[in-house]
Each structure stands twice: as structure tokens, then as C-alpha cells.
Amino acid sequence: MKTKLVLGGTGVRDNREWYMARARVNGDPHGQAPLLWLCKVLIEMK
């Protein structure tokens, strides 16, 4: 399974439009941690 539409590393900015206009990529590791956190919470809820 690949994560989809993940923002690559961006640095920090205070400009929402710049951040939202960033290119999205598929399978980038930046999107894997939140997915793993979600899985952990779902498993703990059982």
C-alpha cells in the first residue's frame, strides 16, 4: 500500500497559499507516520 497525495519536505512558512500549492507525490515516506499512528489507535480501540 502506498500513501497518496503526500507533501514532500517543505520547511516552515507562514503562507497558507504557498503550502497548499505544493506538489503532491505518491509513496513519499512523509505520509507514512500519520498512517501508522492511525493504525495504532484503531488497534488499541478494539
PDB file of N, CA and C in Angstrom:
ATOM      1  N   MET A   1       0.846  -1.175   0.000  1.00  0.00           N
ATOM      2  CA  MET A   1       0.000   0.000   0.000  1.00  0.00           C
ATOM      3  C   MET A   1       0.892   1.240   0.000  1.00  0.00           C
ATOM      4  N   LYS A   2       0.582   2.194  -0.852  1.00  0.00           N
ATOM      5  CA  LYS A   2       1.329   3.448  -0.901  1.00  0.00           C
ATOM      6  C   LYS A   2       0.448   4.593  -0.418  1.00  0.00           C
ATOM      7  N   THR A   3       1.073   5.512   0.292  1.00  0.00           N
ATOM      8  CA  THR A   3       0.348   6.728   0.638  1.00  0.00           C
ATOM      9  C   THR A   3       0.225   7.585  -0.617  1.00  0.00           C
ATOM     10  N   LYS A   4      -0.855   8.327  -0.729  1.00  0.00           N
ATOM     11  CA  LYS A   4      -1.111   9.140  -1.918  1.00  0.00           C
ATOM     12  C   LYS A   4      -1.254  10.613  -1.554  1.00  0.00           C
ATOM     13  N   LEU A   5      -0.863  11.464  -2.468  1.00  0.00           N
ATOM     14  CA  LEU A   5      -1.027  12.912  -2.344  1.00  0.00           C
ATOM     15  C   LEU A   5      -0.358  13.467  -1.089  1.00  0.00           C
ATOM     16  N   VAL A   6       0.879  13.058  -0.864  1.00  0.00           N
ATOM     17  CA  VAL A   6       1.654  13.488   0.298  1.00  0.00           C
ATOM     18  C   VAL A   6       2.539  14.658  -0.108  1.00  0.00           C
ATOM     19  N   LEU A   7       2.625  15.654   0.757  1.00  0.00           N
ATOM     20  CA  LEU A   7       3.566  16.742   0.522  1.00  0.00           C
ATOM     21  C   LEU A   7       4.955  16.276   0.900  1.00  0.00           C
ATOM     22  N   GLY A   8       5.917  16.522   0.043  1.00  0.00           N
ATOM     23  CA  GLY A   8       7.309  16.233   0.390  1.00  0.00           C
ATOM     24  C   GLY A   8       7.783  17.213   1.439  1.00  0.00           C
ATOM     25  N   GLY A   9       8.995  17.081   1.907  1.00  0.00           N
ATOM     26  CA  GLY A   9       9.529  18.016   2.893  1.00  0.00           C
ATOM     27  C   GLY A   9       9.428  19.450   2.396  1.00  0.00           C
ATOM     28  N   THR A  10       8.929  20.342   3.222  1.00  0.00           N
ATOM     29  CA  THR A  10       8.643  21.700   2.770  1.00  0.00           C
ATOM     30  C   THR A  10       9.382  22.785   3.519  1.00  0.00           C
ATOM     31  N   GLY A  11       9.876  22.492   4.694  1.00  0.00           N
ATOM     32  CA  GLY A  11      10.374  23.579   5.520  1.00  0.00           C
ATOM     33  C   GLY A  11       9.180  24.290   6.159  1.00  0.00           C
ATOM     34  N   VAL A  12       9.412  25.398   6.808  1.00  0.00           N
ATOM     35  CA  VAL A  12       8.344  26.107   7.514  1.00  0.00           C
ATOM     36  C   VAL A  12       8.104  27.453   6.848  1.00  0.00           C
ATOM     37  N   ARG A  13       6.856  27.752   6.595  1.00  0.00           N
ATOM     38  CA  ARG A  13       6.448  29.044   6.046  1.00  0.00           C
ATOM     39  C   ARG A  13       5.180  29.490   6.768  1.00  0.00           C
ATOM     40  N   ASP A  14       4.887  30.768   6.711  1.00  0.00           N
ATOM     41  CA  ASP A  14       3.640  31.263   7.299  1.00  0.00           C
ATOM     42  C   ASP A  14       2.669  31.699   6.211  1.00  0.00           C
ATOM     43  N   ASN A  15       2.780  31.076   5.035  1.00  0.00           N
ATOM     44  CA  ASN A  15       1.963  31.432   3.892  1.00  0.00           C
ATOM     45  C   ASN A  15       1.131  30.214   3.481  1.00  0.00           C
ATOM     46  N   ARG A  16      -0.148  30.204   3.832  1.00  0.00           N
ATOM     47  CA  ARG A  16      -1.024  29.053   3.561  1.00  0.00           C
ATOM     48  C   ARG A  16      -1.104  28.747   2.065  1.00  0.00           C
ATOM     49  N   GLU A  17      -1.197  29.766   1.241  1.00  0.00           N
ATOM     50  CA  GLU A  17      -1.325  29.556  -0.201  1.00  0.00           C
ATOM     51  C   GLU A  17      -0.095  28.841  -0.767  1.00  0.00           C
ATOM     52  N   TRP A  18       1.090  29.238  -0.310  1.00  0.00           N
ATOM     53  CA  TRP A  18       2.315  28.581  -0.769  1.00  0.00           C
ATOM     54  C   TRP A  18       2.300  27.103  -0.379  1.00  0.00           C
ATOM     55  N   TYR A  19       1.908  26.838   0.857  1.00  0.00           N
ATOM     56  CA  TYR A  19       1.885  25.468   1.347  1.00  0.00           C
ATOM     57  C   TYR A  19       0.866  24.634   0.576  1.00  0.00           C
ATOM     58  N   MET A  20      -0.321  25.164   0.370  1.00  0.00           N
ATOM     59  CA  MET A  20      -1.382  24.414  -0.315  1.00  0.00           C
ATOM     60  C   MET A  20      -1.081  24.189  -1.793  1.00  0.00           C
ATOM     61  N   ALA A  21      -0.247  25.015  -2.391  1.00  0.00           N
ATOM     62  CA  ALA A  21       0.088  24.878  -3.807  1.00  0.00           C
ATOM     63  C   ALA A  21       1.250  23.905  -4.046  1.00  0.00           C
ATOM     64  N   ARG A  22       1.841  23.378  -2.988  1.00  0.00           N
ATOM     65  CA  ARG A  22       2.964  22.452  -3.138  1.00  0.00           C
ATOM     66  C   ARG A  22       2.544  21.208  -3.906  1.00  0.00           C
ATOM     67  N   ALA A  23       3.468  20.672  -4.687  1.00  0.00           N
ATOM     68  CA  ALA A  23       3.198  19.445  -5.436  1.00  0.00           C
ATOM     69  C   ALA A  23       3.025  18.270  -4.473  1.00  0.00           C
ATOM     70  N   ARG A  24       2.108  17.390  -4.806  1.00  0.00           N
ATOM     71  CA  ARG A  24       1.890  16.173  -4.019  1.00  0.00           C
ATOM     72  C   ARG A  24       2.518  15.004  -4.754  1.00  0.00           C
ATOM     73  N   VAL A  25       2.990  14.024  -4.000  1.00  0.00           N
ATOM     74  CA  VAL A  25       3.601  12.836  -4.590  1.00  0.00           C
ATOM     75  C   VAL A  25       2.982  11.594  -3.957  1.00  0.00           C
ATOM     76  N   ASN A  26       3.163  10.471  -4.598  1.00  0.00           N
ATOM     77  CA  ASN A  26       2.678   9.194  -4.071  1.00  0.00           C
ATOM     78  C   ASN A  26       3.840   8.392  -3.518  1.00  0.00           C
ATOM     79  N   GLY A  27       3.628   7.745  -2.378  1.00  0.00           N
ATOM     80  CA  GLY A  27       4.629   6.872  -1.794  1.00  0.00           C
ATOM     81  C   GLY A  27       5.733   7.571  -1.025  1.00  0.00           C
ATOM     82  N   ASP A  28       5.620   8.859  -0.789  1.00  0.00           N
ATOM     83  CA  ASP A  28       6.656   9.581  -0.051  1.00  0.00           C
ATOM     84  C   ASP A  28       6.604   9.182   1.422  1.00  0.00           C
ATOM     85  N   PRO A  29       7.753   8.928   2.060  1.00  0.00           N
ATOM     86  CA  PRO A  29       7.750   8.498   3.463  1.00  0.00           C
ATOM     87  C   PRO A  29       7.157   9.511   4.435  1.00  0.00           C
ATOM     88  N   HIS A  30       7.051  10.785   4.051  1.00  0.00           N
ATOM     89  CA  HIS A  30       6.468  11.782   4.959  1.00  0.00           C
ATOM     90  C   HIS A  30       5.019  11.439   5.326  1.00  0.00           C
ATOM     91  N   GLY A  31       4.327  10.668   4.491  1.00  0.00           N
ATOM     92  CA  GLY A  31       2.934  10.329   4.771  1.00  0.00           C
ATOM     93  C   GLY A  31       2.759   9.041   5.538  1.00  0.00           C
ATOM     94  N   GLN A  32       3.825   8.310   5.787  1.00  0.00           N
ATOM     95  CA  GLN A  32       3.690   7.004   6.420  1.00  0.00           C
ATOM     96  C   GLN A  32       3.486   7.086   7.925  1.00  0.00           C
ATOM     97  N   ALA A  33       4.118   8.011   8.607  1.00  0.00           N
ATOM     98  CA  ALA A  33       3.982   8.098  10.064  1.00  0.00           C
ATOM     99  C   ALA A  33       2.536   8.364  10.491  1.00  0.00           C
ATOM    100  N   PRO A  34       1.831   9.346   9.911  1.00  0.00           N
ATOM    101  CA  PRO A  34       0.440   9.552  10.333  1.00  0.00           C
ATOM    102  C   PRO A  34      -0.438   8.328  10.079  1.00  0.00           C
ATOM    103  N   LEU A  35      -0.176   7.601   9.003  1.00  0.00           N
ATOM    104  CA  LEU A  35      -0.943   6.391   8.723  1.00  0.00           C
ATOM    105  C   LEU A  35      -0.676   5.335   9.795  1.00  0.00           C
ATOM    106  N   LEU A  36       0.577   5.190  10.200  1.00  0.00           N
ATOM    107  CA  LEU A  36       0.908   4.229  11.253  1.00  0.00           C
ATOM    108  C   LEU A  36       0.296   4.634  12.592  1.00  0.00           C
ATOM    109  N   TRP A  37       0.284   5.934  12.894  1.00  0.00           N
ATOM    110  CA  TRP A  37      -0.347   6.408  14.133  1.00  0.00           C
ATOM    111  C   TRP A  37      -1.839   6.066  14.138  1.00  0.00           C
ATOM    112  N   LEU A  38      -2.490   6.255  12.998  1.00  0.00           N
ATOM    113  CA  LEU A  38      -3.911   5.940  12.894  1.00  0.00           C
ATOM    114  C   LEU A  38      -4.137   4.439  13.130  1.00  0.00           C
ATOM    115  N   CYS A  39      -3.316   3.602  12.505  1.00  0.00           N
ATOM    116  CA  CYS A  39      -3.450   2.149  12.693  1.00  0.00           C
ATOM    117  C   CYS A  39      -3.287   1.772  14.158  1.00  0.00           C
ATOM    118  N   LYS A  40      -2.320   2.376  14.823  1.00  0.00           N
ATOM    119  CA  LYS A  40      -2.088   2.085  16.240  1.00  0.00           C
ATOM    120  C   LYS A  40      -3.320   2.421  17.082  1.00  0.00           C
ATOM    121  N   VAL A  41      -3.900   3.577  16.831  1.00  0.00           N
ATOM    122  CA  VAL A  41      -5.086   3.986  17.584  1.00  0.00           C
ATOM    123  C   VAL A  41      -6.249   3.048  17.313  1.00  0.00           C
ATOM    124  N   LEU A  42      -6.437   2.665  16.052  1.00  0.00           N
ATOM    125  CA  LEU A  42      -7.540   1.766  15.716  1.00  0.00           C
ATOM    126  C   LEU A  42      -7.364   0.401  16.385  1.00  0.00           C
ATOM    127  N   ILE A  43      -6.142  -0.101  16.431  1.00  0.00           N
ATOM    128  CA  ILE A  43      -5.878  -1.378  17.088  1.00  0.00           C
ATOM    129  C   ILE A  43      -6.139  -1.277  18.573  1.00  0.00           C
ATOM    130  N   GLU A  44      -5.731  -0.177  19.189  1.00  0.00           N
ATOM    131  CA  GLU A  44      -5.937  -0.001  20.634  1.00  0.00           C
ATOM    132  C   GLU A  44      -7.401   0.148  20.991  1.00  0.00           C
ATOM    133  N   MET A  45      -8.245   0.563  20.057  1.00  0.00           N
ATOM    134  CA  MET A  45      -9.670   0.756  20.332  1.00  0.00           C
ATOM    135  C   MET A  45     -10.412  -0.584  20.415  1.00  0.00           C
ATOM    136  N   LYS A  46      -9.837  -1.650  19.896  1.00  0.00           N
ATOM    137  CA  LYS A  46     -10.530  -2.955  19.887  1.00  0.00           C
ATOM    138  C   LYS A  46     -10.632  -3.559  21.256  1.00  0.00           C
TER     139      LYS A  46
END
